[in-house]
Amino acid sequence: MGEPQIALSMYDHVSQRVNHLRFVNHWSQKEVALRLGMTPTSLSNKINGTSRWTLEEVAGLADTFQVSLEYMIGRLPLDSAIPATANKPALEAGLAGSVGRAGLEPATDG
């Protein structure tokens, strides 16, 4: 029957996306915090759910990682974003349609 589905809150989706995007961009938590203008401790608390993300922070994350707000809140597949540090998609080119719907430019081979 497959894996059981666990409903994530919007805040959990944002935290999941931050960790995923940090990984694919090879950015440390400290680097992301500095880019957002917050302390590494504050970012850690938000990722761990100790404190909640504000709309301004989620918008800042979307700008920093060059993804849409829809992606950040979990309305698009996790692996549909292109790393901000590369011109290649997170997955094979077969997801180019998903990437386009994410509000991102699809990767090109040129």
C-alpha atoms as a PDB file:
ATOM      1  CA  MET A   1       0.000   0.000   0.000  1.00  0.00           C
ATOM      2  CA  GLY A   2       2.988   2.355   0.259  1.00  0.00           C
ATOM      3  CA  GLU A   3       4.259   4.636   2.947  1.00  0.00           C
ATOM      4  CA  PRO A   4       1.759   6.278   5.277  1.00  0.00           C
ATOM      5  CA  GLN A   5       1.268   9.966   4.526  1.00  0.00           C
ATOM      6  CA  ILE A   6       1.981  12.360   7.368  1.00  0.00           C
ATOM      7  CA  ALA A   7       0.326  15.737   7.039  1.00  0.00           C
ATOM      8  CA  LEU A   8       2.871  18.513   7.483  1.00  0.00           C
ATOM      9  CA  SER A   9       1.972  22.010   8.570  1.00  0.00           C
ATOM     10  CA  MET A  10       2.941  24.919   6.361  1.00  0.00           C
ATOM     11  CA  TYR A  11       5.700  25.735   8.878  1.00  0.00           C
ATOM     12  CA  ASP A  12       7.027  22.170   8.641  1.00  0.00           C
ATOM     13  CA  HIS A  13       7.055  22.410   4.842  1.00  0.00           C
ATOM     14  CA  VAL A  14       9.099  25.615   4.992  1.00  0.00           C
ATOM     15  CA  SER A  15      11.613  23.997   7.346  1.00  0.00           C
ATOM     16  CA  GLN A  16      11.827  20.909   5.139  1.00  0.00           C
ATOM     17  CA  ARG A  17      12.388  23.098   2.066  1.00  0.00           C
ATOM     18  CA  VAL A  18      15.084  25.148   3.827  1.00  0.00           C
ATOM     19  CA  ASN A  19      16.998  21.993   4.723  1.00  0.00           C
ATOM     20  CA  HIS A  20      16.596  20.567   1.214  1.00  0.00           C
ATOM     21  CA  LEU A  21      17.674  23.805  -0.462  1.00  0.00           C
ATOM     22  CA  ARG A  22      20.611  24.185   1.909  1.00  0.00           C
ATOM     23  CA  PHE A  23      21.720  20.695   0.913  1.00  0.00           C
ATOM     24  CA  VAL A  24      21.401  21.136  -2.869  1.00  0.00           C
ATOM     25  CA  ASN A  25      23.113  24.544  -2.732  1.00  0.00           C
ATOM     26  CA  HIS A  26      25.860  23.359  -0.358  1.00  0.00           C
ATOM     27  CA  TRP A  27      25.117  26.220   2.066  1.00  0.00           C
ATOM     28  CA  SER A  28      25.621  25.980   5.804  1.00  0.00           C
ATOM     29  CA  GLN A  29      22.927  27.007   8.241  1.00  0.00           C
ATOM     30  CA  LYS A  30      25.130  29.927   9.240  1.00  0.00           C
ATOM     31  CA  GLU A  31      25.415  31.093   5.614  1.00  0.00           C
ATOM     32  CA  VAL A  32      21.636  30.994   5.129  1.00  0.00           C
ATOM     33  CA  ALA A  33      21.117  32.887   8.393  1.00  0.00           C
ATOM     34  CA  LEU A  34      23.545  35.605   7.304  1.00  0.00           C
ATOM     35  CA  ARG A  35      21.837  35.904   3.906  1.00  0.00           C
ATOM     36  CA  LEU A  36      18.497  36.350   5.711  1.00  0.00           C
ATOM     37  CA  GLY A  37      19.866  38.818   8.258  1.00  0.00           C
ATOM     38  CA  MET A  38      19.196  36.601  11.282  1.00  0.00           C
ATOM     39  CA  THR A  39      21.350  34.753  13.748  1.00  0.00           C
ATOM     40  CA  PRO A  40      22.187  31.085  13.174  1.00  0.00           C
ATOM     41  CA  THR A  41      20.415  30.306  16.477  1.00  0.00           C
ATOM     42  CA  SER A  42      17.231  32.018  15.304  1.00  0.00           C
ATOM     43  CA  LEU A  43      17.318  30.081  12.014  1.00  0.00           C
ATOM     44  CA  SER A  44      17.912  26.827  13.894  1.00  0.00           C
ATOM     45  CA  ASN A  45      14.933  27.527  16.161  1.00  0.00           C
ATOM     46  CA  LYS A  46      12.703  28.081  13.140  1.00  0.00           C
ATOM     47  CA  ILE A  47      13.914  24.950  11.351  1.00  0.00           C
ATOM     48  CA  ASN A  48      13.416  22.864  14.497  1.00  0.00           C
ATOM     49  CA  GLY A  49       9.945  24.294  15.135  1.00  0.00           C
ATOM     50  CA  THR A  50      10.841  26.101  18.367  1.00  0.00           C
ATOM     51  CA  SER A  51       9.666  29.350  16.766  1.00  0.00           C
ATOM     52  CA  ARG A  52       7.517  30.001  13.699  1.00  0.00           C
ATOM     53  CA  TRP A  53       8.385  31.451  10.326  1.00  0.00           C
ATOM     54  CA  THR A  54       6.967  34.884   9.485  1.00  0.00           C
ATOM     55  CA  LEU A  55       5.664  35.734   6.031  1.00  0.00           C
ATOM     56  CA  GLU A  56       8.588  38.125   5.563  1.00  0.00           C
ATOM     57  CA  GLU A  57      11.061  35.349   6.389  1.00  0.00           C
ATOM     58  CA  VAL A  58       9.426  32.892   3.991  1.00  0.00           C
ATOM     59  CA  ALA A  59       9.494  35.548   1.257  1.00  0.00           C
ATOM     60  CA  GLY A  60      13.167  36.178   2.061  1.00  0.00           C
ATOM     61  CA  LEU A  61      13.881  32.457   1.813  1.00  0.00           C
ATOM     62  CA  ALA A  62      12.134  32.283  -1.562  1.00  0.00           C
ATOM     63  CA  ASP A  63      14.228  35.214  -2.821  1.00  0.00           C
ATOM     64  CA  THR A  64      17.448  33.824  -1.360  1.00  0.00           C
ATOM     65  CA  PHE A  65      16.967  30.373  -2.873  1.00  0.00           C
ATOM     66  CA  GLN A  66      15.348  31.733  -6.076  1.00  0.00           C
ATOM     67  CA  VAL A  67      12.167  29.665  -5.706  1.00  0.00           C
ATOM     68  CA  SER A  68       8.483  30.543  -5.530  1.00  0.00           C
ATOM     69  CA  LEU A  69       6.469  31.029  -2.357  1.00  0.00           C
ATOM     70  CA  GLU A  70       4.296  28.115  -3.500  1.00  0.00           C
ATOM     71  CA  TYR A  71       7.387  25.928  -3.485  1.00  0.00           C
ATOM     72  CA  MET A  72       8.414  27.129  -0.007  1.00  0.00           C
ATOM     73  CA  ILE A  73       5.039  26.289   1.564  1.00  0.00           C
ATOM     74  CA  GLY A  74       4.884  22.809   0.022  1.00  0.00           C
ATOM     75  CA  ARG A  75       2.460  23.263  -2.863  1.00  0.00           C
ATOM     76  CA  LEU A  76       5.023  22.007  -5.385  1.00  0.00           C
ATOM     77  CA  PRO A  77       7.167  18.835  -5.313  1.00  0.00           C
ATOM     78  CA  LEU A  78      10.255  18.998  -3.101  1.00  0.00           C
ATOM     79  CA  ASP A  79      12.697  18.223  -5.900  1.00  0.00           C
ATOM     80  CA  SER A  80      11.188  20.620  -8.446  1.00  0.00           C
ATOM     81  CA  ALA A  81      13.524  23.527  -7.665  1.00  0.00           C
ATOM     82  CA  ILE A  82      16.755  24.346  -9.451  1.00  0.00           C
ATOM     83  CA  PRO A  83      19.665  24.954  -7.067  1.00  0.00           C
ATOM     84  CA  ALA A  84      20.346  28.688  -6.797  1.00  0.00           C
ATOM     85  CA  THR A  85      24.061  28.011  -7.296  1.00  0.00           C
ATOM     86  CA  ALA A  86      23.758  26.016 -10.533  1.00  0.00           C
ATOM     87  CA  ASN A  87      22.085  26.033 -13.915  1.00  0.00           C
ATOM     88  CA  LYS A  88      21.045  22.387 -13.594  1.00  0.00           C
ATOM     89  CA  PRO A  89      17.763  21.057 -12.195  1.00  0.00           C
ATOM     90  CA  ALA A  90      17.701  19.226  -8.875  1.00  0.00           C
ATOM     91  CA  LEU A  91      16.565  16.141 -10.805  1.00  0.00           C
ATOM     92  CA  GLU A  92      16.740  15.031 -14.422  1.00  0.00           C
ATOM     93  CA  ALA A  93      15.306  17.217 -17.186  1.00  0.00           C
ATOM     94  CA  GLY A  94      12.089  15.168 -17.011  1.00  0.00           C
ATOM     95  CA  LEU A  95      10.890  17.590 -14.333  1.00  0.00           C
ATOM     96  CA  ALA A  96      11.248  20.633 -16.574  1.00  0.00           C
ATOM     97  CA  GLY A  97       7.444  21.008 -16.656  1.00  0.00           C
ATOM     98  CA  SER A  98       7.285  20.991 -12.856  1.00  0.00           C
ATOM     99  CA  VAL A  99      10.078  23.507 -12.642  1.00  0.00           C
ATOM    100  CA  GLY A 100       8.274  25.848 -15.009  1.00  0.00           C
ATOM    101  CA  ARG A 101       5.150  25.669 -12.839  1.00  0.00           C
ATOM    102  CA  ALA A 102       7.301  26.475  -9.803  1.00  0.00           C
ATOM    103  CA  GLY A 103       7.937  29.929 -11.212  1.00  0.00           C
ATOM    104  CA  LEU A 104      11.540  29.044 -12.022  1.00  0.00           C
ATOM    105  CA  GLU A 105      13.397  29.008 -15.276  1.00  0.00           C
ATOM    106  CA  PRO A 106      13.930  25.472 -16.594  1.00  0.00           C
ATOM    107  CA  ALA A 107      17.550  24.445 -16.913  1.00  0.00           C
ATOM    108  CA  THR A 108      19.110  24.554 -20.366  1.00  0.00           C
ATOM    109  CA  ASP A 109      22.016  22.637 -21.826  1.00  0.00           C
ATOM    110  CA  GLY A 110      23.723  25.752 -23.174  1.00  0.00           C
END
